[in-house]
C-alpha cells in the first residue's frame, strides 16, 4: 500500500472553523468526484487549544505550523499512478488547484510519500 501525507494550512485571514468546514463540505466531495477512489482518505485537524504539553520534552513547541494532516492511501502503485495522471490533466488539476486556493495557503503545502510500519 502507498501512503501520501500532506500538511495544509488555512489561507491567510481564514478562520480554522471556516477552513475545516470548506475542506470537509466542498473540497472532499470535489476530490471524491474528480479522482479515482482511494483505499482511505483521512483528515486529522490540529487541535490548537494549547493543551499539548509533554512533560518529558522541555523544548516542545505548542503546535505545528499547519492546520491539518491529510493521509491518502492507495492500494498499489497503479492506483497511485492513476491519481497522479488525473491531477496532471490540465482541466482536472486546474479545478483542484482553483478550489485549494479558496481555502488553503498553497505557498506552504507539504506533501510526501511514507513507508508506514505498524507494530
N, C-alpha and C. Protein backbone atom coordinates (compact mmCIF):
# COMPACT_ATOMS: atom_id res chain seq x y z
N UNK A 1 0.84 -1.17 0.00
CA UNK A 1 0.00 0.00 0.00
C UNK A 1 0.89 1.24 0.00
N UNK A 2 0.46 2.26 -0.70
CA UNK A 2 1.19 3.52 -0.79
C UNK A 2 0.42 4.58 -0.02
N UNK A 3 1.15 5.37 0.75
CA UNK A 3 0.52 6.42 1.56
C UNK A 3 1.14 7.77 1.24
N UNK A 4 0.26 8.72 0.90
CA UNK A 4 0.65 10.11 0.67
C UNK A 4 0.21 10.92 1.88
N UNK A 5 1.14 11.68 2.45
CA UNK A 5 0.85 12.53 3.61
C UNK A 5 0.98 13.98 3.18
N UNK A 6 0.01 14.81 3.59
CA UNK A 6 0.00 16.22 3.22
C UNK A 6 -0.22 17.07 4.47
N UNK A 7 0.49 18.17 4.55
CA UNK A 7 0.29 19.16 5.62
C UNK A 7 -0.24 20.41 4.94
N UNK A 8 -1.42 20.86 5.36
CA UNK A 8 -2.04 22.04 4.76
C UNK A 8 -2.36 23.07 5.84
N UNK A 9 -2.36 24.33 5.42
CA UNK A 9 -2.68 25.43 6.33
C UNK A 9 -3.77 26.28 5.68
N UNK A 10 -4.61 26.86 6.51
CA UNK A 10 -5.65 27.75 6.02
C UNK A 10 -5.02 28.96 5.34
N UNK A 11 -5.71 29.48 4.32
CA UNK A 11 -5.19 30.68 3.67
C UNK A 11 -5.23 31.84 4.67
N UNK A 12 -4.35 32.80 4.50
CA UNK A 12 -4.31 33.93 5.44
C UNK A 12 -5.67 34.62 5.57
N UNK A 13 -6.04 34.89 6.80
CA UNK A 13 -7.29 35.58 7.08
C UNK A 13 -8.49 34.67 7.24
N UNK A 14 -8.34 33.37 6.99
CA UNK A 14 -9.46 32.43 7.12
C UNK A 14 -9.41 31.78 8.49
N UNK A 15 -10.55 31.71 9.15
CA UNK A 15 -10.61 31.07 10.46
C UNK A 15 -10.43 29.56 10.31
N UNK A 16 -9.97 28.94 11.38
CA UNK A 16 -9.81 27.49 11.39
C UNK A 16 -11.14 26.80 11.14
N UNK A 17 -12.21 27.31 11.74
CA UNK A 17 -13.53 26.71 11.58
C UNK A 17 -13.99 26.78 10.13
N UNK A 18 -13.78 27.93 9.48
CA UNK A 18 -14.16 28.06 8.07
C UNK A 18 -13.31 27.17 7.18
N UNK A 19 -12.02 27.05 7.52
CA UNK A 19 -11.11 26.17 6.78
C UNK A 19 -11.61 24.73 6.85
N UNK A 20 -11.87 24.26 8.04
CA UNK A 20 -12.33 22.87 8.22
C UNK A 20 -13.66 22.64 7.52
N UNK A 21 -14.59 23.58 7.65
CA UNK A 21 -15.89 23.45 7.01
C UNK A 21 -15.75 23.37 5.48
N UNK A 22 -14.94 24.25 4.91
CA UNK A 22 -14.75 24.25 3.46
C UNK A 22 -14.11 22.94 3.01
N UNK A 23 -13.08 22.54 3.73
CA UNK A 23 -12.39 21.30 3.35
C UNK A 23 -13.36 20.12 3.35
N UNK A 24 -14.09 19.94 4.43
CA UNK A 24 -14.97 18.77 4.56
C UNK A 24 -16.18 18.82 3.63
N UNK A 25 -16.76 20.00 3.46
CA UNK A 25 -18.03 20.09 2.76
C UNK A 25 -17.95 20.50 1.30
N UNK A 26 -16.80 21.03 0.88
CA UNK A 26 -16.64 21.43 -0.52
C UNK A 26 -15.49 20.68 -1.20
N UNK A 27 -14.32 20.67 -0.56
CA UNK A 27 -13.14 20.10 -1.21
C UNK A 27 -13.18 18.57 -1.23
N UNK A 28 -13.51 17.95 -0.13
CA UNK A 28 -13.56 16.48 -0.10
C UNK A 28 -14.52 15.94 -1.17
N UNK A 29 -15.75 16.46 -1.28
CA UNK A 29 -16.62 15.96 -2.36
C UNK A 29 -16.03 16.19 -3.77
N UNK A 30 -15.33 17.31 -3.96
CA UNK A 30 -14.70 17.57 -5.25
C UNK A 30 -13.63 16.52 -5.55
N UNK A 31 -12.79 16.24 -4.57
CA UNK A 31 -11.74 15.22 -4.74
C UNK A 31 -12.36 13.86 -5.01
N UNK A 32 -13.39 13.53 -4.29
CA UNK A 32 -14.06 12.23 -4.49
C UNK A 32 -14.65 12.14 -5.91
N UNK A 33 -15.10 13.26 -6.44
CA UNK A 33 -15.70 13.27 -7.79
C UNK A 33 -14.64 13.22 -8.88
N UNK A 34 -13.53 13.93 -8.70
CA UNK A 34 -12.54 14.08 -9.76
C UNK A 34 -11.45 13.02 -9.81
N UNK A 35 -11.12 12.45 -8.66
CA UNK A 35 -10.00 11.50 -8.61
C UNK A 35 -10.51 10.08 -8.45
N UNK A 36 -9.69 9.11 -8.86
CA UNK A 36 -10.07 7.71 -8.66
C UNK A 36 -10.22 7.42 -7.16
N UNK A 37 -11.02 6.42 -6.82
CA UNK A 37 -11.20 6.09 -5.40
C UNK A 37 -9.86 5.75 -4.73
N UNK A 38 -9.74 6.19 -3.49
CA UNK A 38 -8.56 5.87 -2.68
C UNK A 38 -8.94 4.76 -1.71
N UNK A 39 -7.95 4.01 -1.27
CA UNK A 39 -8.20 2.97 -0.28
C UNK A 39 -8.67 3.60 1.03
N UNK A 40 -8.14 4.78 1.35
CA UNK A 40 -8.55 5.53 2.54
C UNK A 40 -8.16 6.99 2.34
N UNK A 41 -8.93 7.89 2.93
CA UNK A 41 -8.71 9.33 2.77
C UNK A 41 -9.09 9.97 4.09
N UNK A 42 -8.08 10.35 4.88
CA UNK A 42 -8.33 10.87 6.24
C UNK A 42 -7.79 12.29 6.38
N UNK A 43 -8.49 13.07 7.18
CA UNK A 43 -8.04 14.41 7.55
C UNK A 43 -7.99 14.48 9.06
N UNK A 44 -6.84 14.85 9.60
CA UNK A 44 -6.66 14.99 11.04
C UNK A 44 -6.33 16.46 11.32
N UNK A 45 -7.28 17.15 11.96
CA UNK A 45 -7.13 18.58 12.22
C UNK A 45 -6.38 18.81 13.53
N UNK A 46 -5.43 19.73 13.48
CA UNK A 46 -4.59 20.03 14.64
C UNK A 46 -5.42 20.79 15.67
N UNK A 47 -5.41 20.30 16.90
CA UNK A 47 -6.08 20.99 18.00
C UNK A 47 -5.13 22.06 18.53
N UNK A 48 -5.56 23.29 18.52
CA UNK A 48 -4.66 24.39 18.88
C UNK A 48 -5.12 25.09 20.15
N UNK A 49 -5.65 24.33 21.09
CA UNK A 49 -6.14 24.93 22.33
C UNK A 49 -5.04 25.09 23.37
N UNK A 50 -3.82 24.68 23.05
CA UNK A 50 -2.70 24.84 23.97
C UNK A 50 -2.58 23.75 25.02
N UNK A 51 -3.40 22.70 24.92
CA UNK A 51 -3.38 21.65 25.94
C UNK A 51 -2.23 20.66 25.77
N UNK A 52 -1.53 20.71 24.65
CA UNK A 52 -0.44 19.78 24.41
C UNK A 52 0.80 20.27 25.14
N UNK A 53 1.25 19.52 26.14
CA UNK A 53 2.42 19.91 26.91
C UNK A 53 3.12 18.67 27.43
N UNK A 54 3.93 18.02 26.57
CA UNK A 54 4.63 16.82 27.04
C UNK A 54 5.66 17.17 28.09
N UNK A 55 5.54 16.59 29.24
CA UNK A 55 6.43 16.90 30.36
C UNK A 55 7.86 16.48 30.17
N UNK A 56 8.10 15.52 29.32
CA UNK A 56 9.47 15.00 29.16
C UNK A 56 10.27 15.74 28.09
N UNK A 57 9.66 16.71 27.41
CA UNK A 57 10.36 17.45 26.35
C UNK A 57 10.21 18.94 26.62
N UNK A 58 11.23 19.53 27.20
CA UNK A 58 11.17 20.94 27.58
C UNK A 58 11.12 21.87 26.38
N UNK A 59 11.66 21.44 25.25
CA UNK A 59 11.74 22.31 24.08
C UNK A 59 10.60 22.11 23.09
N UNK A 60 9.59 21.32 23.46
CA UNK A 60 8.48 21.07 22.53
C UNK A 60 7.70 22.34 22.26
N UNK A 61 7.36 22.54 21.00
CA UNK A 61 6.56 23.70 20.64
C UNK A 61 5.08 23.39 20.88
N UNK A 62 4.25 24.40 21.07
CA UNK A 62 2.84 24.16 21.38
C UNK A 62 2.03 23.64 20.22
N UNK A 63 2.54 23.67 19.03
CA UNK A 63 1.79 23.13 17.90
C UNK A 63 2.49 23.42 16.59
N UNK A 64 2.17 22.65 15.58
CA UNK A 64 2.81 22.82 14.27
C UNK A 64 2.25 24.03 13.52
N UNK A 65 2.93 24.37 12.45
CA UNK A 65 2.54 25.50 11.62
C UNK A 65 1.67 25.05 10.45
N UNK A 66 0.75 24.14 10.71
CA UNK A 66 -0.23 23.71 9.72
C UNK A 66 -1.51 23.37 10.46
N UNK A 67 -2.60 23.25 9.72
CA UNK A 67 -3.91 23.05 10.34
C UNK A 67 -4.46 21.64 10.20
N UNK A 68 -3.96 20.89 9.23
CA UNK A 68 -4.48 19.55 9.01
C UNK A 68 -3.39 18.66 8.42
N UNK A 69 -3.44 17.41 8.82
CA UNK A 69 -2.64 16.36 8.19
C UNK A 69 -3.62 15.51 7.40
N UNK A 70 -3.40 15.44 6.10
CA UNK A 70 -4.25 14.64 5.23
C UNK A 70 -3.47 13.41 4.81
N UNK A 71 -4.11 12.25 4.91
CA UNK A 71 -3.47 10.99 4.54
C UNK A 71 -4.32 10.31 3.47
N UNK A 72 -3.66 9.93 2.38
CA UNK A 72 -4.32 9.27 1.26
C UNK A 72 -3.64 7.93 1.01
N UNK A 73 -4.40 6.87 1.11
CA UNK A 73 -3.86 5.53 0.89
C UNK A 73 -4.29 5.02 -0.48
N UNK A 74 -3.35 4.35 -1.14
CA UNK A 74 -3.59 3.76 -2.45
C UNK A 74 -3.22 2.29 -2.38
N UNK A 75 -4.04 1.45 -2.98
CA UNK A 75 -3.83 0.00 -2.90
C UNK A 75 -2.47 -0.43 -3.44
N UNK A 76 -2.02 0.24 -4.51
CA UNK A 76 -0.77 -0.16 -5.13
C UNK A 76 -0.25 0.98 -6.00
N UNK A 77 0.88 0.75 -6.65
CA UNK A 77 1.50 1.78 -7.48
C UNK A 77 0.57 2.19 -8.62
N UNK A 78 -0.15 1.24 -9.19
CA UNK A 78 -1.05 1.56 -10.30
C UNK A 78 -2.15 2.53 -9.85
N UNK A 79 -2.69 2.34 -8.65
CA UNK A 79 -3.72 3.24 -8.13
C UNK A 79 -3.14 4.63 -7.88
N UNK A 80 -1.94 4.68 -7.33
CA UNK A 80 -1.28 5.97 -7.10
C UNK A 80 -1.00 6.67 -8.43
N UNK A 81 -0.49 5.93 -9.40
CA UNK A 81 -0.20 6.50 -10.72
C UNK A 81 -1.46 7.01 -11.40
N UNK A 82 -2.58 6.33 -11.21
CA UNK A 82 -3.85 6.77 -11.79
C UNK A 82 -4.27 8.11 -11.19
N UNK A 83 -4.07 8.27 -9.88
CA UNK A 83 -4.38 9.55 -9.23
C UNK A 83 -3.47 10.65 -9.78
N UNK A 84 -2.17 10.38 -9.89
CA UNK A 84 -1.24 11.36 -10.43
C UNK A 84 -1.61 11.77 -11.85
N UNK A 85 -1.98 10.81 -12.67
CA UNK A 85 -2.35 11.11 -14.05
C UNK A 85 -3.56 12.04 -14.09
N UNK A 86 -4.52 11.83 -13.22
CA UNK A 86 -5.70 12.71 -13.19
C UNK A 86 -5.31 14.11 -12.75
N UNK A 87 -4.44 14.25 -11.75
CA UNK A 87 -4.07 15.58 -11.28
C UNK A 87 -3.20 16.32 -12.29
N UNK A 88 -2.52 15.58 -13.16
CA UNK A 88 -1.69 16.20 -14.18
C UNK A 88 -2.49 16.61 -15.41
N UNK A 89 -3.72 16.16 -15.52
CA UNK A 89 -4.61 16.61 -16.57
C UNK A 89 -4.92 18.09 -16.29
N UNK A 90 -4.72 18.96 -17.28
CA UNK A 90 -4.85 20.41 -17.06
C UNK A 90 -6.23 20.80 -16.54
N UNK A 91 -7.27 20.20 -17.05
CA UNK A 91 -8.63 20.56 -16.61
C UNK A 91 -8.89 20.11 -15.18
N UNK A 92 -8.57 18.87 -14.88
CA UNK A 92 -8.82 18.33 -13.54
C UNK A 92 -7.88 18.96 -12.52
N UNK A 93 -6.59 18.98 -12.83
CA UNK A 93 -5.62 19.59 -11.91
C UNK A 93 -5.92 21.06 -11.69
N UNK A 94 -6.33 21.76 -12.74
CA UNK A 94 -6.68 23.17 -12.61
C UNK A 94 -7.87 23.39 -11.71
N UNK A 95 -8.87 22.54 -11.84
CA UNK A 95 -10.06 22.67 -10.98
C UNK A 95 -9.70 22.43 -9.51
N UNK A 96 -8.86 21.44 -9.26
CA UNK A 96 -8.43 21.17 -7.89
C UNK A 96 -7.62 22.35 -7.35
N UNK A 97 -6.68 22.85 -8.13
CA UNK A 97 -5.84 23.98 -7.68
C UNK A 97 -6.67 25.22 -7.40
N UNK A 98 -7.64 25.52 -8.26
CA UNK A 98 -8.51 26.68 -8.02
C UNK A 98 -9.32 26.53 -6.74
N UNK A 99 -9.78 25.31 -6.48
CA UNK A 99 -10.54 25.09 -5.26
C UNK A 99 -9.64 25.20 -4.03
N UNK A 100 -8.43 24.65 -4.11
CA UNK A 100 -7.49 24.77 -3.00
C UNK A 100 -7.22 26.23 -2.66
N UNK A 101 -7.11 27.06 -3.67
CA UNK A 101 -6.82 28.48 -3.45
C UNK A 101 -7.94 29.18 -2.68
N UNK A 102 -9.12 28.59 -2.66
CA UNK A 102 -10.24 29.17 -1.91
C UNK A 102 -10.09 29.03 -0.40
N UNK A 103 -9.27 28.07 0.05
CA UNK A 103 -9.19 27.85 1.50
C UNK A 103 -7.81 27.45 2.01
N UNK A 104 -6.89 27.10 1.14
CA UNK A 104 -5.55 26.69 1.57
C UNK A 104 -4.51 27.75 1.22
N UNK A 105 -3.47 27.80 2.03
CA UNK A 105 -2.28 28.59 1.70
C UNK A 105 -1.40 27.68 0.84
N UNK A 106 -1.54 27.79 -0.47
CA UNK A 106 -0.85 26.88 -1.39
C UNK A 106 0.66 27.10 -1.42
N UNK A 107 1.13 28.23 -0.88
CA UNK A 107 2.57 28.50 -0.87
C UNK A 107 3.31 27.66 0.16
N UNK A 108 2.61 27.07 1.11
CA UNK A 108 3.28 26.31 2.17
C UNK A 108 2.80 24.85 2.24
N UNK A 109 2.21 24.36 1.16
CA UNK A 109 1.78 22.96 1.13
C UNK A 109 3.00 22.04 1.24
N UNK A 110 2.82 20.96 1.96
CA UNK A 110 3.88 19.96 2.10
C UNK A 110 3.26 18.60 1.82
N UNK A 111 3.83 17.86 0.87
CA UNK A 111 3.32 16.53 0.52
C UNK A 111 4.49 15.58 0.34
N UNK A 112 4.33 14.37 0.85
CA UNK A 112 5.39 13.38 0.72
C UNK A 112 4.83 11.98 0.87
N UNK A 113 5.54 11.00 0.31
CA UNK A 113 5.18 9.59 0.45
C UNK A 113 5.91 9.04 1.66
N UNK A 114 5.26 8.12 2.36
CA UNK A 114 5.88 7.50 3.53
C UNK A 114 5.82 5.98 3.41
N UNK A 115 6.73 5.34 4.11
CA UNK A 115 6.76 3.90 4.28
C UNK A 115 6.27 3.63 5.69
N UNK A 116 4.98 3.37 5.82
CA UNK A 116 4.38 3.23 7.15
C UNK A 116 4.63 1.83 7.71
N UNK A 117 4.98 1.78 8.98
CA UNK A 117 5.19 0.50 9.68
C UNK A 117 4.29 0.47 10.92
N UNK A 118 3.78 -0.67 11.21
CA UNK A 118 2.94 -0.85 12.41
C UNK A 118 3.48 -1.99 13.24
N UNK A 119 3.29 -1.86 14.55
CA UNK A 119 3.72 -2.94 15.45
C UNK A 119 2.56 -3.42 16.27
